[in-house]
Amino acid sequence: MRVHAYAAGTPTASTHPDVDGGTCLRELVVIEAADIAYKVGDGTEIDVELTIAEIFDGGPGEVIVHGCREIMITVDYTGKSVPVRARPSERLSDVRAQAVQELVRQHGLDPKQSADLVLRLPGTTAELPEASPVGAYVAKGTCALTLDLVHAVRPQG
């Protein structure tokens, strides 16, 4: 089985391409005293003593190890900010959707204008991959993050 393992503040996953289903998760990830392992995409806390087969039902999977149970995210969009709370295992696509929903509710954003919005780290021009867990962008020892929500620049032609 293939397992992708993320750590706090590390956007690139460690890929374990051929893991035996009987392998305990603890053998693949580093768990420190306050860390929690999560199944990426559903927020489930994982017992690191479980086997990979027990966690992922025989298919490939993704985990993240993080010290936070919840991350407070401030999303900035054209001078307006909205708060979003997420578990470290929540995908950036879900964070984006929550931010857009809050901008619609709090600031009257037209939902039709949100189709091309992407998340970026402040001061950067690279779009964050929507499938990545938010905890991969939150440094170890902190439970807060600021993101920019911007319109994607698409090449014309």
C-alpha atoms as a PDB file:
ATOM      1  CA  MET A   1       0.000   0.000   0.000  1.00  0.00           C
ATOM      2  CA  ARG A   2       1.099   3.549  -0.646  1.00  0.00           C
ATOM      3  CA  VAL A   3       1.078   5.937   2.312  1.00  0.00           C
ATOM      4  CA  HIS A   4       1.780   9.671   2.177  1.00  0.00           C
ATOM      5  CA  ALA A   5       2.795  11.118   5.552  1.00  0.00           C
ATOM      6  CA  TYR A   6       2.840  14.863   6.284  1.00  0.00           C
ATOM      7  CA  ALA A   7       4.357  16.611   9.289  1.00  0.00           C
ATOM      8  CA  ALA A   8       3.555  20.005  10.813  1.00  0.00           C
ATOM      9  CA  GLY A   9       4.886  22.814   8.645  1.00  0.00           C
ATOM     10  CA  THR A  10       6.167  20.435   5.964  1.00  0.00           C
ATOM     11  CA  PRO A  11       4.197  20.828   2.709  1.00  0.00           C
ATOM     12  CA  THR A  12       5.891  17.887   0.990  1.00  0.00           C
ATOM     13  CA  ALA A  13       4.720  14.455   2.086  1.00  0.00           C
ATOM     14  CA  SER A  14       7.035  11.553   2.728  1.00  0.00           C
ATOM     15  CA  THR A  15       5.857   8.834   0.408  1.00  0.00           C
ATOM     16  CA  HIS A  16       6.091   5.208   1.454  1.00  0.00           C
ATOM     17  CA  PRO A  17       5.302   3.390  -1.807  1.00  0.00           C
ATOM     18  CA  ASP A  18       5.091  -0.260  -0.758  1.00  0.00           C
ATOM     19  CA  VAL A  19       3.970  -0.551   2.848  1.00  0.00           C
ATOM     20  CA  ASP A  20       2.825  -3.935   4.085  1.00  0.00           C
ATOM     21  CA  GLY A  21      -0.733  -3.750   5.440  1.00  0.00           C
ATOM     22  CA  GLY A  22       0.432  -5.242   8.740  1.00  0.00           C
ATOM     23  CA  THR A  23       2.826  -2.357   9.432  1.00  0.00           C
ATOM     24  CA  CYS A  24       1.891  -0.164  12.399  1.00  0.00           C
ATOM     25  CA  LEU A  25       1.554   3.527  11.635  1.00  0.00           C
ATOM     26  CA  ARG A  26       4.112   4.262  14.382  1.00  0.00           C
ATOM     27  CA  GLU A  27       6.771   2.680  12.137  1.00  0.00           C
ATOM     28  CA  LEU A  28       6.147   5.276   9.400  1.00  0.00           C
ATOM     29  CA  VAL A  29       5.713   8.551  11.297  1.00  0.00           C
ATOM     30  CA  VAL A  30       7.504  10.417  14.061  1.00  0.00           C
ATOM     31  CA  ILE A  31       5.213  11.027  17.031  1.00  0.00           C
ATOM     32  CA  GLU A  32       6.368  13.319  19.819  1.00  0.00           C
ATOM     33  CA  ALA A  33       4.664  13.776  23.197  1.00  0.00           C
ATOM     34  CA  ALA A  34       1.908  16.227  22.187  1.00  0.00           C
ATOM     35  CA  ASP A  35       1.501  15.082  18.579  1.00  0.00           C
ATOM     36  CA  ILE A  36      -1.641  13.562  17.143  1.00  0.00           C
ATOM     37  CA  ALA A  37      -1.891  11.518  13.956  1.00  0.00           C
ATOM     38  CA  TYR A  38      -4.851  12.304  11.685  1.00  0.00           C
ATOM     39  CA  LYS A  39      -6.272  10.715   8.596  1.00  0.00           C
ATOM     40  CA  VAL A  40      -6.113  13.441   5.934  1.00  0.00           C
ATOM     41  CA  GLY A  41      -9.442  14.610   4.599  1.00  0.00           C
ATOM     42  CA  ASP A  42     -11.750  13.428   7.347  1.00  0.00           C
ATOM     43  CA  GLY A  43     -10.322  14.729  10.618  1.00  0.00           C
ATOM     44  CA  THR A  44     -10.213  11.345  12.291  1.00  0.00           C
ATOM     45  CA  GLU A  45      -7.568  10.988  14.974  1.00  0.00           C
ATOM     46  CA  ILE A  46      -5.634   7.776  14.432  1.00  0.00           C
ATOM     47  CA  ASP A  47      -4.185   5.421  17.006  1.00  0.00           C
ATOM     48  CA  VAL A  48      -0.578   5.013  15.826  1.00  0.00           C
ATOM     49  CA  GLU A  49      -0.608   1.405  17.043  1.00  0.00           C
ATOM     50  CA  LEU A  50      -3.155   0.466  14.355  1.00  0.00           C
ATOM     51  CA  THR A  51      -1.931  -1.180  11.186  1.00  0.00           C
ATOM     52  CA  ILE A  52      -2.009   0.522   7.811  1.00  0.00           C
ATOM     53  CA  ALA A  53      -4.638  -1.996   6.658  1.00  0.00           C
ATOM     54  CA  GLU A  54      -6.858  -1.148   9.653  1.00  0.00           C
ATOM     55  CA  ILE A  55      -6.554   2.578   9.007  1.00  0.00           C
ATOM     56  CA  PHE A  56      -6.993   2.641   5.233  1.00  0.00           C
ATOM     57  CA  ASP A  57      -9.039  -0.512   4.518  1.00  0.00           C
ATOM     58  CA  GLY A  58      -6.448  -1.878   2.126  1.00  0.00           C
ATOM     59  CA  GLY A  59      -6.138   1.190  -0.100  1.00  0.00           C
ATOM     60  CA  PRO A  60      -3.620   4.011  -0.277  1.00  0.00           C
ATOM     61  CA  GLY A  61      -3.890   6.788   2.253  1.00  0.00           C
ATOM     62  CA  GLU A  62      -2.593  10.010   3.714  1.00  0.00           C
ATOM     63  CA  VAL A  63      -1.794  10.932   7.309  1.00  0.00           C
ATOM     64  CA  ILE A  64      -0.559  14.063   9.028  1.00  0.00           C
ATOM     65  CA  VAL A  65       1.118  14.342  12.405  1.00  0.00           C
ATOM     66  CA  HIS A  66       0.503  17.650  14.154  1.00  0.00           C
ATOM     67  CA  GLY A  67       0.399  19.012  17.681  1.00  0.00           C
ATOM     68  CA  CYS A  68      -2.827  21.006  17.194  1.00  0.00           C
ATOM     69  CA  ARG A  69      -6.370  19.779  17.436  1.00  0.00           C
ATOM     70  CA  GLU A  70      -7.640  22.907  15.707  1.00  0.00           C
ATOM     71  CA  ILE A  71      -6.021  25.613  13.614  1.00  0.00           C
ATOM     72  CA  MET A  72      -7.258  29.192  13.595  1.00  0.00           C
ATOM     73  CA  ILE A  73      -6.889  30.497  10.058  1.00  0.00           C
ATOM     74  CA  THR A  74      -7.279  34.121   9.025  1.00  0.00           C
ATOM     75  CA  VAL A  75      -8.140  34.379   5.346  1.00  0.00           C
ATOM     76  CA  ASP A  76      -7.597  37.771   3.721  1.00  0.00           C
ATOM     77  CA  TYR A  77      -9.436  38.776   0.547  1.00  0.00           C
ATOM     78  CA  THR A  78      -9.220  42.301  -0.910  1.00  0.00           C
ATOM     79  CA  GLY A  79      -8.813  43.983   2.455  1.00  0.00           C
ATOM     80  CA  LYS A  80     -11.425  41.863   4.212  1.00  0.00           C
ATOM     81  CA  SER A  81     -10.555  39.118   6.667  1.00  0.00           C
ATOM     82  CA  VAL A  82     -12.581  36.144   7.818  1.00  0.00           C
ATOM     83  CA  PRO A  83     -11.758  33.518  10.423  1.00  0.00           C
ATOM     84  CA  VAL A  84     -11.846  29.828   9.572  1.00  0.00           C
ATOM     85  CA  ARG A  85     -11.286  26.984  12.028  1.00  0.00           C
ATOM     86  CA  ALA A  86      -9.993  23.664  10.753  1.00  0.00           C
ATOM     87  CA  ARG A  87      -8.391  20.471  11.931  1.00  0.00           C
ATOM     88  CA  PRO A  88      -4.801  19.994  10.703  1.00  0.00           C
ATOM     89  CA  SER A  89      -6.005  17.171   8.452  1.00  0.00           C
ATOM     90  CA  GLU A  90      -8.573  19.271   6.612  1.00  0.00           C
ATOM     91  CA  ARG A  91      -7.788  19.778   2.943  1.00  0.00           C
ATOM     92  CA  LEU A  92      -7.090  23.281   1.680  1.00  0.00           C
ATOM     93  CA  SER A  93     -10.062  22.929  -0.685  1.00  0.00           C
ATOM     94  CA  ASP A  94     -12.338  22.729   2.372  1.00  0.00           C
ATOM     95  CA  VAL A  95     -10.618  25.727   3.986  1.00  0.00           C
ATOM     96  CA  ARG A  96     -11.137  27.682   0.760  1.00  0.00           C
ATOM     97  CA  ALA A  97     -14.824  26.720   0.651  1.00  0.00           C
ATOM     98  CA  GLN A  98     -15.342  27.785   4.278  1.00  0.00           C
ATOM     99  CA  ALA A  99     -13.578  31.107   3.632  1.00  0.00           C
ATOM    100  CA  VAL A 100     -15.740  31.833   0.600  1.00  0.00           C
ATOM    101  CA  GLN A 101     -18.867  30.955   2.581  1.00  0.00           C
ATOM    102  CA  GLU A 102     -17.835  33.375   5.355  1.00  0.00           C
ATOM    103  CA  LEU A 103     -17.030  36.123   2.835  1.00  0.00           C
ATOM    104  CA  VAL A 104     -20.475  35.687   1.289  1.00  0.00           C
ATOM    105  CA  ARG A 105     -22.139  35.763   4.714  1.00  0.00           C
ATOM    106  CA  GLN A 106     -20.128  38.553   6.333  1.00  0.00           C
ATOM    107  CA  HIS A 107     -19.136  40.775   3.422  1.00  0.00           C
ATOM    108  CA  GLY A 108     -21.633  40.072   0.650  1.00  0.00           C
ATOM    109  CA  LEU A 109     -19.183  38.472  -1.770  1.00  0.00           C
ATOM    110  CA  ASP A 110     -20.999  37.379  -4.927  1.00  0.00           C
ATOM    111  CA  PRO A 111     -20.599  33.580  -5.002  1.00  0.00           C
ATOM    112  CA  LYS A 112     -20.208  33.736  -8.796  1.00  0.00           C
ATOM    113  CA  GLN A 113     -16.990  35.712  -8.305  1.00  0.00           C
ATOM    114  CA  SER A 114     -15.455  32.941  -6.208  1.00  0.00           C
ATOM    115  CA  ALA A 115     -15.000  30.316  -8.923  1.00  0.00           C
ATOM    116  CA  ASP A 116     -11.387  31.245  -9.663  1.00  0.00           C
ATOM    117  CA  LEU A 117     -10.243  32.052  -6.118  1.00  0.00           C
ATOM    118  CA  VAL A 118      -7.143  30.261  -4.847  1.00  0.00           C
ATOM    119  CA  LEU A 119      -5.260  30.215  -1.557  1.00  0.00           C
ATOM    120  CA  ARG A 120      -1.703  31.496  -1.242  1.00  0.00           C
ATOM    121  CA  LEU A 121       0.690  32.128   1.589  1.00  0.00           C
ATOM    122  CA  PRO A 122       1.044  35.889   2.159  1.00  0.00           C
ATOM    123  CA  GLY A 123       3.739  37.456   0.002  1.00  0.00           C
ATOM    124  CA  THR A 124       3.902  34.560  -2.459  1.00  0.00           C
ATOM    125  CA  THR A 125       2.535  34.004  -5.947  1.00  0.00           C
ATOM    126  CA  ALA A 126       2.208  30.215  -5.855  1.00  0.00           C
ATOM    127  CA  GLU A 127      -1.212  28.626  -5.452  1.00  0.00           C
ATOM    128  CA  LEU A 128      -1.424  26.162  -2.597  1.00  0.00           C
ATOM    129  CA  PRO A 129      -2.445  22.662  -3.697  1.00  0.00           C
ATOM    130  CA  GLU A 130      -6.076  22.162  -2.715  1.00  0.00           C
ATOM    131  CA  ALA A 131      -5.583  18.479  -1.898  1.00  0.00           C
ATOM    132  CA  SER A 132      -2.931  19.203   0.750  1.00  0.00           C
ATOM    133  CA  PRO A 133      -3.801  19.238   4.448  1.00  0.00           C
ATOM    134  CA  VAL A 134      -3.743  22.686   6.050  1.00  0.00           C
ATOM    135  CA  GLY A 135      -1.523  21.454   8.885  1.00  0.00           C
ATOM    136  CA  ALA A 136       1.307  20.965   6.413  1.00  0.00           C
ATOM    137  CA  TYR A 137       1.516  24.786   6.243  1.00  0.00           C
ATOM    138  CA  VAL A 138       1.299  25.424  10.004  1.00  0.00           C
ATOM    139  CA  ALA A 139       4.667  25.375  11.724  1.00  0.00           C
ATOM    140  CA  LYS A 140       5.223  23.042  14.624  1.00  0.00           C
ATOM    141  CA  GLY A 141       4.435  24.813  17.899  1.00  0.00           C
ATOM    142  CA  THR A 142       1.772  27.117  16.480  1.00  0.00           C
ATOM    143  CA  CYS A 143      -1.918  26.638  15.801  1.00  0.00           C
ATOM    144  CA  ALA A 144      -2.550  29.704  13.642  1.00  0.00           C
ATOM    145  CA  LEU A 145      -2.129  30.547   9.966  1.00  0.00           C
ATOM    146  CA  THR A 146      -2.826  33.482   7.677  1.00  0.00           C
ATOM    147  CA  LEU A 147      -3.691  32.853   4.036  1.00  0.00           C
ATOM    148  CA  ASP A 148      -4.515  35.120   1.129  1.00  0.00           C
ATOM    149  CA  LEU A 149      -7.494  34.344  -1.082  1.00  0.00           C
ATOM    150  CA  VAL A 150      -6.850  35.744  -4.536  1.00  0.00           C
ATOM    151  CA  HIS A 151      -8.145  35.429  -8.062  1.00  0.00           C
ATOM    152  CA  ALA A 152      -5.992  33.011 -10.028  1.00  0.00           C
ATOM    153  CA  VAL A 153      -4.129  34.503 -12.927  1.00  0.00           C
ATOM    154  CA  ARG A 154      -4.702  32.257 -15.899  1.00  0.00           C
ATOM    155  CA  PRO A 155      -2.634  32.563 -19.087  1.00  0.00           C
ATOM    156  CA  GLN A 156      -4.605  33.929 -22.012  1.00  0.00           C
ATOM    157  CA  GLY A 157      -4.183  32.650 -25.520  1.00  0.00           C
END
